[in-house]
Amino acid sequence: MIPVLKNYDYSRRLKACSLPTLHYRRIRGDMIETYKTVTGIYDAEVTPKLYPAHSLVNRGNDHRLLKGRAKYDLRKFYFTNRIVNLWKSLPNKWSYLSH
């Protein structure tokens, strides 16, 4: 897209354009979609089911999600299993999720 940058490697092109990495953009997009699903912005009939973890001990985050068991890699890397660990690691200051 930018002819001057065509001979640069990936990291130099990102730095020159002030863009984040693809990995960061994917994680950010997943967290945005998770937030919209958990808060009910999306229709519950058509979104993947995210089940809250009903535990008395919620270290770090009051809005934990259950991670389903996966026998095969196809299910292991599905959205609902992929985002759970990262969602759990978010700080508890996201108290606005409770409404």
Foldseek 3Di string as FASTA:
>chain_A
DDVVCPPPDDVVVCVVVVHDDPVVVVLVVLVVVVLCQLLVVDPVVPDDDWAFDPDPDQPFAPGATDADDDPDPVNCCDSNNVNRVVVSNHGHPVVVSPD
